Amino acid sequence: MAQSKMPRRPAMLDAARADAIIGDEDPAASAAVAHTAAWALMGVGDETFTDADVARLRETVRTSGVDTIAHVWSRSPEFTLPGALWRVYLLHEWYHRDPLLVAERYAEGSRAPIIQGLEAPVELRPLSLIMEEVDSLLRGDLTDDDLEYVLGEASRAMRVLAAGEAGALWIEDPADPLAHRVTMRHSALLVTADELDVAAREAAVGTLD
């Protein structure tokens, strides 16, 4: 995506500044911080967020984890880059918290006669490989050129997970830190997969904001 399309962003994204802005009632300021974090993770800055700032943010994520910035994406619309990364982040967290359970659901889904949104015959990749790519994206190891592929693969994985029948694997407690429509309900998981497909298509033509 061309840098000229990027909104103006704060020059610094330290934790205190991010928390202060997210606590404000200014939606534009919150959106600016979310976009700053998302695009910097992809290696993209602008005139107010320098290459040095981008490098520092990516290094922080690689050493301390994406949790350090992911919270600023939580209110972002699904049709934006931070919104797409938030949905991928929840899948990432779900998988790493319960890898065996999520893998079981994926295996069951892969055996389903019909996987909504995927045309038969469906050739599925191992979930572990998809999650390695998701991890790389959320570590800042990839760039915006990789968004179409990784978002698309995350969408496919969600469709397979939705096709699984291990109902005990769903997160049912609304107080759970990962309780979100990405992880709580079959139909909503499919909606999220649709949203990621849209984001992937936008990324392919350089219009994902």
N, C-alpha and C. Protein backbone atom coordinates (compact mmCIF):
# COMPACT_ATOMS: atom_id res chain seq x y z
N MET A 1 0.84 -1.19 0.00
CA MET A 1 0.00 0.00 0.00
C MET A 1 0.88 1.23 0.00
N ALA A 2 0.59 2.21 -0.81
CA ALA A 2 1.41 3.40 -0.90
C ALA A 2 1.34 4.19 0.40
N GLN A 3 2.46 4.75 0.81
CA GLN A 3 2.49 5.47 2.07
C GLN A 3 1.61 6.70 2.03
N SER A 4 1.38 7.28 0.87
CA SER A 4 0.56 8.47 0.76
C SER A 4 -0.88 8.23 1.20
N LYS A 5 -1.32 6.96 1.24
CA LYS A 5 -2.68 6.63 1.64
C LYS A 5 -2.82 6.52 3.15
N MET A 6 -1.69 6.52 3.87
CA MET A 6 -1.73 6.28 5.29
C MET A 6 -2.15 7.54 6.05
N PRO A 7 -2.95 7.41 7.12
CA PRO A 7 -3.31 8.57 7.93
C PRO A 7 -2.12 9.06 8.73
N ARG A 8 -2.18 10.32 9.18
CA ARG A 8 -1.12 10.83 10.05
C ARG A 8 -1.21 10.13 11.38
N ARG A 9 -0.05 9.83 11.97
CA ARG A 9 -0.02 9.05 13.20
C ARG A 9 0.92 9.68 14.21
N PRO A 10 0.78 9.34 15.48
CA PRO A 10 1.71 9.85 16.48
C PRO A 10 3.12 9.36 16.18
N ALA A 11 4.11 10.17 16.54
CA ALA A 11 5.49 9.80 16.25
C ALA A 11 5.99 8.71 17.18
N MET A 12 5.40 8.59 18.36
CA MET A 12 5.84 7.58 19.31
C MET A 12 4.66 6.70 19.68
N LEU A 13 4.93 5.45 19.96
CA LEU A 13 3.86 4.52 20.34
C LEU A 13 4.29 3.74 21.58
N ASP A 14 4.77 4.45 22.60
CA ASP A 14 5.10 3.76 23.84
C ASP A 14 3.81 3.35 24.53
N ALA A 15 3.93 2.42 25.48
CA ALA A 15 2.74 1.84 26.11
C ALA A 15 1.88 2.89 26.80
N ALA A 16 2.54 3.84 27.50
CA ALA A 16 1.78 4.85 28.24
C ALA A 16 0.97 5.71 27.30
N ARG A 17 1.59 6.11 26.18
CA ARG A 17 0.89 6.95 25.20
C ARG A 17 -0.29 6.20 24.59
N ALA A 18 -0.07 4.95 24.23
CA ALA A 18 -1.14 4.16 23.63
C ALA A 18 -2.30 3.99 24.59
N ASP A 19 -1.99 3.66 25.86
CA ASP A 19 -3.05 3.47 26.84
C ASP A 19 -3.82 4.76 27.07
N ALA A 20 -3.10 5.89 27.08
CA ALA A 20 -3.76 7.17 27.31
C ALA A 20 -4.71 7.50 26.18
N ILE A 21 -4.27 7.26 24.95
CA ILE A 21 -5.12 7.59 23.81
C ILE A 21 -6.32 6.66 23.74
N ILE A 22 -6.09 5.36 23.98
CA ILE A 22 -7.21 4.42 23.94
C ILE A 22 -8.24 4.77 25.01
N GLY A 23 -7.78 5.36 26.11
CA GLY A 23 -8.71 5.75 27.17
C GLY A 23 -9.47 7.02 26.85
N ASP A 24 -9.04 7.77 25.86
CA ASP A 24 -9.72 8.99 25.47
C ASP A 24 -11.05 8.68 24.80
N GLU A 25 -11.88 9.72 24.64
CA GLU A 25 -13.15 9.55 23.95
C GLU A 25 -13.06 9.98 22.50
N ASP A 26 -11.86 10.18 22.00
CA ASP A 26 -11.66 10.62 20.62
C ASP A 26 -11.46 9.41 19.73
N PRO A 27 -12.47 8.99 18.98
CA PRO A 27 -12.33 7.81 18.13
C PRO A 27 -11.24 7.97 17.08
N ALA A 28 -11.07 9.19 16.58
CA ALA A 28 -10.05 9.41 15.55
C ALA A 28 -8.66 9.16 16.11
N ALA A 29 -8.41 9.59 17.34
CA ALA A 29 -7.10 9.37 17.95
C ALA A 29 -6.86 7.88 18.18
N SER A 30 -7.89 7.18 18.65
CA SER A 30 -7.76 5.74 18.87
C SER A 30 -7.50 5.01 17.56
N ALA A 31 -8.22 5.41 16.51
CA ALA A 31 -8.03 4.78 15.21
C ALA A 31 -6.64 5.04 14.68
N ALA A 32 -6.12 6.25 14.91
CA ALA A 32 -4.78 6.58 14.43
C ALA A 32 -3.73 5.71 15.09
N VAL A 33 -3.87 5.48 16.40
CA VAL A 33 -2.91 4.63 17.10
C VAL A 33 -3.00 3.20 16.59
N ALA A 34 -4.23 2.72 16.40
CA ALA A 34 -4.41 1.35 15.89
C ALA A 34 -3.76 1.18 14.53
N HIS A 35 -3.95 2.16 13.66
CA HIS A 35 -3.34 2.09 12.33
C HIS A 35 -1.82 2.20 12.40
N THR A 36 -1.33 3.05 13.30
CA THR A 36 0.12 3.17 13.48
C THR A 36 0.73 1.82 13.81
N ALA A 37 0.16 1.16 14.82
CA ALA A 37 0.70 -0.13 15.25
C ALA A 37 0.62 -1.17 14.15
N ALA A 38 -0.52 -1.21 13.46
CA ALA A 38 -0.72 -2.22 12.43
C ALA A 38 0.24 -2.05 11.26
N TRP A 39 0.33 -0.84 10.74
CA TRP A 39 1.19 -0.63 9.57
C TRP A 39 2.67 -0.67 9.93
N ALA A 40 3.02 -0.21 11.13
CA ALA A 40 4.42 -0.31 11.54
C ALA A 40 4.83 -1.77 11.66
N LEU A 41 3.91 -2.62 12.13
CA LEU A 41 4.23 -4.05 12.20
C LEU A 41 4.51 -4.62 10.83
N MET A 42 3.89 -4.05 9.81
CA MET A 42 4.14 -4.47 8.43
C MET A 42 5.38 -3.80 7.83
N GLY A 43 6.04 -2.94 8.62
CA GLY A 43 7.23 -2.26 8.14
C GLY A 43 6.96 -0.95 7.44
N VAL A 44 5.74 -0.42 7.58
CA VAL A 44 5.34 0.80 6.87
C VAL A 44 5.22 1.96 7.86
N GLY A 45 5.92 3.04 7.57
CA GLY A 45 5.80 4.27 8.34
C GLY A 45 5.33 5.40 7.46
N ASP A 46 5.42 6.61 7.98
CA ASP A 46 5.13 7.79 7.16
C ASP A 46 5.94 8.95 7.70
N GLU A 47 5.55 10.17 7.35
CA GLU A 47 6.36 11.32 7.73
C GLU A 47 6.37 11.57 9.23
N THR A 48 5.41 11.02 9.96
CA THR A 48 5.37 11.21 11.41
C THR A 48 5.79 9.97 12.18
N PHE A 49 5.93 8.85 11.50
CA PHE A 49 6.37 7.60 12.15
C PHE A 49 7.53 7.08 11.31
N THR A 50 8.73 7.37 11.76
CA THR A 50 9.93 7.19 10.95
C THR A 50 10.34 5.73 10.85
N ASP A 51 11.31 5.48 9.98
CA ASP A 51 11.85 4.13 9.85
C ASP A 51 12.42 3.64 11.18
N ALA A 52 13.04 4.55 11.93
CA ALA A 52 13.59 4.17 13.23
C ALA A 52 12.47 3.78 14.20
N ASP A 53 11.36 4.52 14.16
CA ASP A 53 10.21 4.18 15.00
C ASP A 53 9.65 2.81 14.63
N VAL A 54 9.55 2.56 13.33
CA VAL A 54 9.04 1.27 12.85
C VAL A 54 9.94 0.14 13.31
N ALA A 55 11.25 0.32 13.16
CA ALA A 55 12.20 -0.72 13.56
C ALA A 55 12.11 -0.98 15.06
N ARG A 56 11.95 0.09 15.85
CA ARG A 56 11.87 -0.08 17.29
C ARG A 56 10.60 -0.83 17.68
N LEU A 57 9.48 -0.49 17.05
CA LEU A 57 8.24 -1.20 17.36
C LEU A 57 8.35 -2.68 17.00
N ARG A 58 8.89 -2.98 15.84
CA ARG A 58 9.00 -4.38 15.42
C ARG A 58 9.93 -5.15 16.35
N GLU A 59 11.00 -4.53 16.79
CA GLU A 59 11.92 -5.20 17.70
C GLU A 59 11.24 -5.46 19.05
N THR A 60 10.44 -4.50 19.51
CA THR A 60 9.71 -4.69 20.76
C THR A 60 8.76 -5.87 20.66
N VAL A 61 8.05 -5.97 19.54
CA VAL A 61 7.13 -7.09 19.34
C VAL A 61 7.88 -8.41 19.30
N ARG A 62 9.03 -8.44 18.65
CA ARG A 62 9.78 -9.69 18.54
C ARG A 62 10.35 -10.14 19.87
N THR A 63 10.67 -9.19 20.74
CA THR A 63 11.26 -9.55 22.02
C THR A 63 10.22 -9.72 23.13
N SER A 64 9.14 -8.96 23.06
CA SER A 64 8.15 -8.97 24.14
C SER A 64 6.81 -9.57 23.75
N GLY A 65 6.59 -9.81 22.45
CA GLY A 65 5.34 -10.40 22.00
C GLY A 65 4.37 -9.37 21.46
N VAL A 66 3.50 -9.83 20.58
CA VAL A 66 2.54 -8.93 19.94
C VAL A 66 1.50 -8.41 20.93
N ASP A 67 1.37 -9.07 22.09
CA ASP A 67 0.43 -8.61 23.11
C ASP A 67 0.70 -7.16 23.49
N THR A 68 1.95 -6.70 23.34
CA THR A 68 2.31 -5.35 23.73
C THR A 68 1.58 -4.28 22.93
N ILE A 69 1.11 -4.63 21.73
CA ILE A 69 0.41 -3.65 20.91
C ILE A 69 -0.98 -4.09 20.48
N ALA A 70 -1.28 -5.38 20.57
CA ALA A 70 -2.52 -5.91 20.00
C ALA A 70 -3.77 -5.27 20.59
N HIS A 71 -3.72 -4.86 21.85
CA HIS A 71 -4.92 -4.31 22.48
C HIS A 71 -5.44 -3.07 21.78
N VAL A 72 -4.56 -2.34 21.09
CA VAL A 72 -5.02 -1.11 20.44
C VAL A 72 -5.85 -1.39 19.19
N TRP A 73 -5.86 -2.65 18.73
CA TRP A 73 -6.64 -3.02 17.55
C TRP A 73 -8.06 -3.46 17.88
N SER A 74 -8.36 -3.67 19.14
CA SER A 74 -9.58 -4.38 19.51
C SER A 74 -10.87 -3.69 19.08
N ARG A 75 -10.84 -2.38 18.89
CA ARG A 75 -12.06 -1.66 18.50
C ARG A 75 -12.09 -1.36 17.00
N SER A 76 -11.14 -1.87 16.27
CA SER A 76 -11.02 -1.51 14.85
C SER A 76 -12.03 -2.27 13.99
N PRO A 77 -12.63 -1.60 13.01
CA PRO A 77 -13.57 -2.27 12.10
C PRO A 77 -12.90 -3.40 11.33
N GLU A 78 -13.69 -4.37 10.95
CA GLU A 78 -13.16 -5.55 10.27
C GLU A 78 -12.58 -5.24 8.90
N PHE A 79 -12.98 -4.13 8.30
CA PHE A 79 -12.52 -3.81 6.95
C PHE A 79 -11.22 -3.01 6.94
N THR A 80 -10.56 -2.89 8.10
CA THR A 80 -9.28 -2.19 8.19
C THR A 80 -8.17 -3.18 8.51
N LEU A 81 -6.92 -2.75 8.29
CA LEU A 81 -5.80 -3.62 8.64
C LEU A 81 -5.77 -3.93 10.13
N PRO A 82 -5.88 -2.94 11.03
CA PRO A 82 -5.88 -3.30 12.45
C PRO A 82 -7.04 -4.22 12.83
N GLY A 83 -8.20 -4.05 12.19
CA GLY A 83 -9.31 -4.95 12.46
C GLY A 83 -9.02 -6.37 12.01
N ALA A 84 -8.40 -6.51 10.85
CA ALA A 84 -8.03 -7.84 10.36
C ALA A 84 -6.97 -8.47 11.26
N LEU A 85 -5.98 -7.68 11.68
CA LEU A 85 -4.94 -8.22 12.56
C LEU A 85 -5.51 -8.62 13.91
N TRP A 86 -6.50 -7.89 14.41
CA TRP A 86 -7.12 -8.25 15.68
C TRP A 86 -7.78 -9.62 15.58
N ARG A 87 -8.46 -9.89 14.49
CA ARG A 87 -9.12 -11.18 14.31
C ARG A 87 -8.10 -12.31 14.16
N VAL A 88 -7.03 -12.03 13.45
CA VAL A 88 -5.97 -13.03 13.32
C VAL A 88 -5.28 -13.25 14.67
N TYR A 89 -5.12 -12.17 15.43
CA TYR A 89 -4.50 -12.27 16.75
C TYR A 89 -5.31 -13.16 17.68
N LEU A 90 -6.64 -13.05 17.65
CA LEU A 90 -7.46 -13.90 18.51
C LEU A 90 -7.32 -15.37 18.13
N LEU A 91 -7.25 -15.65 16.83
CA LEU A 91 -7.00 -17.03 16.40
C LEU A 91 -5.64 -17.50 16.90
N HIS A 92 -4.65 -16.66 16.77
CA HIS A 92 -3.29 -16.94 17.25
C HIS A 92 -3.29 -17.27 18.75
N GLU A 93 -3.97 -16.44 19.54
CA GLU A 93 -4.01 -16.65 20.98
C GLU A 93 -4.76 -17.92 21.34
N TRP A 94 -5.86 -18.18 20.68
CA TRP A 94 -6.65 -19.39 20.92
C TRP A 94 -5.81 -20.62 20.65
N TYR A 95 -5.13 -20.62 19.54
CA TYR A 95 -4.30 -21.77 19.15
C TYR A 95 -3.17 -21.99 20.15
N HIS A 96 -2.49 -20.93 20.55
CA HIS A 96 -1.34 -21.11 21.42
C HIS A 96 -1.74 -21.39 22.87
N ARG A 97 -2.94 -21.03 23.24
CA ARG A 97 -3.40 -21.37 24.58
C ARG A 97 -3.83 -22.83 24.66
N ASP A 98 -4.50 -23.33 23.62
CA ASP A 98 -5.01 -24.71 23.61
C ASP A 98 -4.65 -25.39 22.29
N PRO A 99 -3.35 -25.56 22.01
CA PRO A 99 -2.95 -26.07 20.68
C PRO A 99 -3.50 -27.45 20.36
N LEU A 100 -3.52 -28.35 21.33
CA LEU A 100 -4.00 -29.70 21.06
C LEU A 100 -5.50 -29.71 20.82
N LEU A 101 -6.23 -28.94 21.58
CA LEU A 101 -7.68 -28.89 21.43
C LEU A 101 -8.08 -28.25 20.10
N VAL A 102 -7.41 -27.15 19.75
CA VAL A 102 -7.73 -26.50 18.48
C VAL A 102 -7.32 -27.39 17.31
N ALA A 103 -6.19 -28.08 17.46
CA ALA A 103 -5.76 -29.00 16.40
C ALA A 103 -6.77 -30.14 16.23
N GLU A 104 -7.36 -30.58 17.33
CA GLU A 104 -8.37 -31.64 17.25
C GLU A 104 -9.59 -31.15 16.47
N ARG A 105 -10.03 -29.93 16.76
CA ARG A 105 -11.17 -29.38 16.03
C ARG A 105 -10.83 -29.23 14.55
N TYR A 106 -9.62 -28.81 14.24
CA TYR A 106 -9.22 -28.65 12.84
C TYR A 106 -9.22 -30.00 12.14
N ALA A 107 -8.72 -31.02 12.83
CA ALA A 107 -8.69 -32.36 12.24
C ALA A 107 -10.11 -32.86 11.97
N GLU A 108 -11.01 -32.62 12.91
CA GLU A 108 -12.40 -33.04 12.72
C GLU A 108 -13.04 -32.26 11.57
N GLY A 109 -12.76 -30.97 11.52
CA GLY A 109 -13.31 -30.16 10.45
C GLY A 109 -12.81 -30.58 9.08
N SER A 110 -11.55 -31.00 9.03
CA SER A 110 -10.97 -31.42 7.75
C SER A 110 -11.63 -32.68 7.21
N ARG A 111 -12.28 -33.44 8.09
CA ARG A 111 -12.96 -34.67 7.67
C ARG A 111 -14.44 -34.43 7.36
N ALA A 112 -14.90 -33.21 7.57
CA ALA A 112 -16.31 -32.90 7.32
C ALA A 112 -16.62 -33.01 5.82
N PRO A 113 -17.78 -33.54 5.46
CA PRO A 113 -18.12 -33.67 4.04
C PRO A 113 -18.28 -32.33 3.34
N ILE A 114 -18.67 -31.31 4.10
CA ILE A 114 -18.84 -29.97 3.53
C ILE A 114 -18.16 -28.96 4.46
N ILE A 115 -17.34 -28.11 3.89
CA ILE A 115 -16.72 -27.01 4.63
C ILE A 115 -17.22 -25.72 3.99
N GLN A 116 -18.05 -25.00 4.70
CA GLN A 116 -18.68 -23.82 4.12
C GLN A 116 -17.65 -22.81 3.64
N GLY A 117 -17.84 -22.36 2.40
CA GLY A 117 -16.96 -21.36 1.83
C GLY A 117 -15.78 -21.92 1.08
N LEU A 118 -15.58 -23.24 1.12
CA LEU A 118 -14.49 -23.89 0.39
C LEU A 118 -15.08 -24.89 -0.59
N GLU A 119 -14.67 -24.80 -1.82
CA GLU A 119 -15.21 -25.68 -2.85
C GLU A 119 -14.49 -27.03 -2.84
N ALA A 120 -15.26 -28.10 -2.96
CA ALA A 120 -14.70 -29.44 -3.03
C ALA A 120 -14.13 -29.69 -4.43
N PRO A 121 -13.07 -30.50 -4.51
CA PRO A 121 -12.33 -31.09 -3.41
C PRO A 121 -11.43 -30.06 -2.73
N VAL A 122 -11.37 -30.15 -1.40
CA VAL A 122 -10.61 -29.18 -0.62
C VAL A 122 -9.25 -29.77 -0.25
N GLU A 123 -8.21 -29.08 -0.64
CA GLU A 123 -6.86 -29.48 -0.25
C GLU A 123 -6.44 -28.61 0.93
N LEU A 124 -6.28 -29.25 2.06
CA LEU A 124 -5.99 -28.51 3.29
C LEU A 124 -4.54 -28.67 3.71
N ARG A 125 -3.97 -27.58 4.18
CA ARG A 125 -2.61 -27.61 4.70
C ARG A 125 -2.66 -27.89 6.19
N PRO A 126 -1.58 -28.40 6.77
CA PRO A 126 -1.54 -28.62 8.21
C PRO A 126 -1.77 -27.31 8.96
N LEU A 127 -2.55 -27.37 10.02
CA LEU A 127 -2.82 -26.17 10.80
C LEU A 127 -1.54 -25.58 11.36
N SER A 128 -0.60 -26.43 11.74
CA SER A 128 0.65 -25.93 12.32
C SER A 128 1.40 -25.02 11.35
N LEU A 129 1.37 -25.34 10.08
CA LEU A 129 2.06 -24.51 9.08
C LEU A 129 1.35 -23.17 8.91
N ILE A 130 0.03 -23.20 8.91
CA ILE A 130 -0.73 -21.95 8.80
C ILE A 130 -0.44 -21.06 10.00
N MET A 131 -0.40 -21.65 11.19
CA MET A 131 -0.17 -20.85 12.38
C MET A 131 1.26 -20.34 12.44
N GLU A 132 2.21 -21.05 11.86
CA GLU A 132 3.57 -20.52 11.77
C GLU A 132 3.58 -19.24 10.94
N GLU A 133 2.80 -19.23 9.86
CA GLU A 133 2.72 -18.04 9.01
C GLU A 133 2.01 -16.90 9.74
N VAL A 134 0.97 -17.24 10.48
CA VAL A 134 0.28 -16.23 11.29
C VAL A 134 1.23 -15.65 12.33
N ASP A 135 2.00 -16.53 12.97
CA ASP A 135 2.98 -16.07 13.96
C ASP A 135 3.99 -15.12 13.33
N SER A 136 4.46 -15.46 12.13
CA SER A 136 5.43 -14.61 11.44
C SER A 136 4.84 -13.24 11.14
N LEU A 137 3.56 -13.23 10.73
CA LEU A 137 2.89 -11.96 10.46
C LEU A 137 2.82 -11.11 11.71
N LEU A 138 2.44 -11.72 12.82
CA LEU A 138 2.25 -10.99 14.07
C LEU A 138 3.56 -10.70 14.79
N ARG A 139 4.65 -11.27 14.33
CA ARG A 139 5.99 -10.95 14.85
C ARG A 139 6.62 -9.79 14.10
N GLY A 140 6.01 -9.39 13.00
CA GLY A 140 6.61 -8.35 12.19
C GLY A 140 7.69 -8.87 11.26
N ASP A 141 7.69 -10.17 10.98
CA ASP A 141 8.68 -10.75 10.09
C ASP A 141 8.27 -10.63 8.62
N LEU A 142 7.00 -10.30 8.36
CA LEU A 142 6.50 -10.21 7.00
C LEU A 142 6.20 -8.75 6.67
N THR A 143 5.69 -8.52 5.47
CA THR A 143 5.35 -7.17 5.05
C THR A 143 3.92 -7.14 4.52
N ASP A 144 3.48 -5.96 4.09
CA ASP A 144 2.13 -5.85 3.56
C ASP A 144 1.97 -6.65 2.27
N ASP A 145 3.06 -7.00 1.61
CA ASP A 145 2.97 -7.85 0.42
C ASP A 145 2.49 -9.26 0.75
N ASP A 146 2.62 -9.66 2.01
CA ASP A 146 2.23 -11.01 2.43
C ASP A 146 0.81 -11.07 2.99
N LEU A 147 0.16 -9.93 3.10
CA LEU A 147 -1.14 -9.90 3.77
C LEU A 147 -2.20 -10.73 3.05
N GLU A 148 -2.28 -10.60 1.75
CA GLU A 148 -3.31 -11.34 1.02
C GLU A 148 -3.22 -12.83 1.32
N TYR A 149 -2.02 -13.37 1.25
CA TYR A 149 -1.85 -14.82 1.45
C TYR A 149 -2.16 -15.23 2.88
N VAL A 150 -1.57 -14.55 3.86
CA VAL A 150 -1.72 -14.99 5.25
C VAL A 150 -3.15 -14.79 5.73
N LEU A 151 -3.77 -13.67 5.39
CA LEU A 151 -5.17 -13.46 5.79
C LEU A 151 -6.08 -14.51 5.14
N GLY A 152 -5.79 -14.84 3.89
CA GLY A 152 -6.57 -15.86 3.21
C GLY A 152 -6.42 -17.23 3.85
N GLU A 153 -5.20 -17.56 4.25
CA GLU A 153 -4.97 -18.85 4.90
C GLU A 153 -5.63 -18.90 6.28
N ALA A 154 -5.58 -17.79 7.00
CA ALA A 154 -6.26 -17.74 8.30
C ALA A 154 -7.76 -17.92 8.13
N SER A 155 -8.31 -17.33 7.08
CA SER A 155 -9.73 -17.50 6.79
C SER A 155 -10.07 -18.96 6.52
N ARG A 156 -9.26 -19.62 5.71
CA ARG A 156 -9.49 -21.04 5.41
C ARG A 156 -9.44 -21.87 6.69
N ALA A 157 -8.47 -21.58 7.55
CA ALA A 157 -8.35 -22.32 8.80
C ALA A 157 -9.60 -22.14 9.66
N MET A 158 -10.13 -20.93 9.70
CA MET A 158 -11.34 -20.68 10.48
C MET A 158 -12.53 -21.45 9.93
N ARG A 159 -12.62 -21.58 8.62
CA ARG A 159 -13.72 -22.33 8.02
C ARG A 159 -13.62 -23.81 8.40
N VAL A 160 -12.42 -24.33 8.42
CA VAL A 160 -12.23 -25.73 8.81
C VAL A 160 -12.56 -25.91 10.28
N LEU A 161 -12.12 -24.98 11.12
CA LEU A 161 -12.43 -25.06 12.55
C LEU A 161 -13.93 -25.00 12.78
N ALA A 162 -14.62 -24.19 12.00
CA ALA A 162 -16.08 -24.10 12.14
C ALA A 162 -16.77 -25.39 11.76
N ALA A 163 -16.14 -26.17 10.88
CA ALA A 163 -16.74 -27.43 10.43
C ALA A 163 -16.52 -28.57 11.41
N GLY A 164 -15.65 -28.36 12.40
CA GLY A 164 -15.41 -29.39 13.40
C GLY A 164 -16.61 -29.56 14.32
N GLU A 165 -16.67 -30.68 15.00
CA GLU A 165 -17.84 -30.98 15.84
C GLU A 165 -17.49 -31.12 17.31
N ALA A 166 -16.27 -30.77 17.69
CA ALA A 166 -15.88 -30.91 19.09
C ALA A 166 -16.39 -29.72 19.87
N GLY A 167 -17.68 -29.73 20.18
CA GLY A 167 -18.32 -28.59 20.80
C GLY A 167 -17.68 -28.11 22.07
N ALA A 168 -17.02 -29.02 22.81
CA ALA A 168 -16.40 -28.61 24.06
C ALA A 168 -15.24 -27.65 23.84
N LEU A 169 -14.79 -27.53 22.60
CA LEU A 169 -13.64 -26.66 22.34
C LEU A 169 -14.03 -25.20 22.21
N TRP A 170 -15.31 -24.92 22.08
CA TRP A 170 -15.69 -23.52 21.96
C TRP A 170 -15.52 -22.81 23.29
N ILE A 171 -15.19 -21.53 23.22
CA ILE A 171 -15.08 -20.71 24.42
C ILE A 171 -16.46 -20.17 24.74
N GLU A 172 -17.04 -20.60 25.86
CA GLU A 172 -18.42 -20.26 26.17
C GLU A 172 -18.55 -19.18 27.23
N ASP A 173 -17.53 -18.98 28.04
CA ASP A 173 -17.59 -18.00 29.12
C ASP A 173 -17.35 -16.60 28.57
N PRO A 174 -18.32 -15.69 28.63
CA PRO A 174 -18.12 -14.34 28.08
C PRO A 174 -17.05 -13.55 28.81
N ALA A 175 -16.67 -14.01 30.02
CA ALA A 175 -15.62 -13.33 30.77
C ALA A 175 -14.23 -13.80 30.37
N ASP A 176 -14.15 -14.84 29.55
CA ASP A 176 -12.86 -15.35 29.10
C ASP A 176 -12.14 -14.26 28.30
N PRO A 177 -10.82 -14.08 28.52
CA PRO A 177 -10.08 -13.06 27.78
C PRO A 177 -10.16 -13.23 26.27
N LEU A 178 -10.39 -14.45 25.79
CA LEU A 178 -10.47 -14.69 24.36
C LEU A 178 -11.91 -14.80 23.87
N ALA A 179 -12.86 -14.48 24.75
CA ALA A 179 -14.27 -14.56 24.35
C ALA A 179 -14.56 -13.48 23.32
N HIS A 180 -14.85 -13.90 22.14
CA HIS A 180 -15.09 -13.01 21.00
C HIS A 180 -15.81 -13.84 19.97
N ARG A 181 -16.48 -13.21 19.03
CA ARG A 181 -17.19 -14.00 18.03
C ARG A 181 -16.26 -14.82 17.16
N VAL A 182 -14.95 -14.53 17.19
CA VAL A 182 -14.00 -15.37 16.47
C VAL A 182 -13.94 -16.76 17.08
N THR A 183 -14.13 -16.86 18.38
CA THR A 183 -13.88 -18.13 19.06
C THR A 183 -15.09 -18.75 19.73
N MET A 184 -16.21 -18.03 19.80
CA MET A 184 -17.32 -18.51 20.62
C MET A 184 -18.41 -19.26 19.87
N ARG A 185 -18.63 -18.95 18.59
CA ARG A 185 -19.77 -19.56 17.91
C ARG A 185 -19.41 -19.98 16.49
N HIS A 186 -19.99 -21.09 16.06
CA HIS A 186 -19.75 -21.64 14.73
C HIS A 186 -20.08 -20.63 13.64
N SER A 187 -21.31 -20.09 13.68
CA SER A 187 -21.74 -19.20 12.60
C SER A 187 -20.92 -17.92 12.56
N ALA A 188 -20.57 -17.40 13.74
CA ALA A 188 -19.80 -16.17 13.79
C ALA A 188 -18.36 -16.40 13.33
N LEU A 189 -17.84 -17.59 13.56
CA LEU A 189 -16.51 -17.91 13.05
C LEU A 189 -16.49 -17.83 11.54
N LEU A 190 -17.58 -18.27 10.92
CA LEU A 190 -17.68 -18.18 9.46
C LEU A 190 -17.79 -16.73 9.00
N VAL A 191 -18.49 -15.91 9.76
CA VAL A 191 -18.57 -14.49 9.43
C VAL A 191 -17.17 -13.87 9.46
N THR A 192 -16.40 -14.23 10.47
CA THR A 192 -15.04 -13.70 10.58
C THR A 192 -14.18 -14.18 9.42
N ALA A 193 -14.37 -15.41 9.00
CA ALA A 193 -13.65 -15.92 7.83
C ALA A 193 -14.00 -15.09 6.60
N ASP A 194 -15.28 -14.77 6.45
CA ASP A 194 -15.70 -13.91 5.33
C ASP A 194 -15.02 -12.55 5.40
N GLU A 195 -14.95 -11.99 6.60
CA GLU A 195 -14.32 -10.68 6.78
C GLU A 195 -12.84 -10.72 6.40
N LEU A 196 -12.16 -11.79 6.78
CA LEU A 196 -10.75 -11.90 6.44
C LEU A 196 -10.56 -12.10 4.94
N ASP A 197 -11.49 -12.79 4.31
CA ASP A 197 -11.42 -12.93 2.85
C ASP A 197 -11.53 -11.56 2.17
N VAL A 198 -12.44 -10.73 2.68
CA VAL A 198 -12.58 -9.38 2.13
C VAL A 198 -11.30 -8.59 2.34
N ALA A 199 -10.74 -8.69 3.55
CA ALA A 199 -9.50 -7.97 3.85
C ALA A 199 -8.37 -8.45 2.95
N ALA A 200 -8.32 -9.75 2.69
CA ALA A 200 -7.28 -10.30 1.81
C ALA A 200 -7.42 -9.74 0.40
N ARG A 201 -8.66 -9.65 -0.08
CA ARG A 201 -8.87 -9.09 -1.43
C ARG A 201 -8.49 -7.61 -1.48
N GLU A 202 -8.81 -6.88 -0.42
CA GLU A 202 -8.42 -5.47 -0.37
C GLU A 202 -6.90 -5.34 -0.35
N ALA A 203 -6.24 -6.21 0.40
CA ALA A 203 -4.77 -6.17 0.46
C ALA A 203 -4.16 -6.46 -0.90
N ALA A 204 -4.80 -7.34 -1.66
CA ALA A 204 -4.27 -7.73 -2.97
C ALA A 204 -4.21 -6.56 -3.93
N VAL A 205 -5.14 -5.62 -3.79
CA VAL A 205 -5.18 -4.48 -4.71
C VAL A 205 -4.72 -3.19 -4.05
N GLY A 206 -4.18 -3.31 -2.83
CA GLY A 206 -3.60 -2.14 -2.17
C GLY A 206 -4.59 -1.17 -1.58
N THR A 207 -5.80 -1.64 -1.27
CA THR A 207 -6.81 -0.73 -0.72
C THR A 207 -7.18 -1.05 0.72
N LEU A 208 -6.47 -1.96 1.36
CA LEU A 208 -6.72 -2.25 2.78
C LEU A 208 -6.11 -1.12 3.59
N ASP A 209 -6.94 -0.42 4.35
CA ASP A 209 -6.48 0.78 5.08
C ASP A 209 -6.11 0.42 6.51
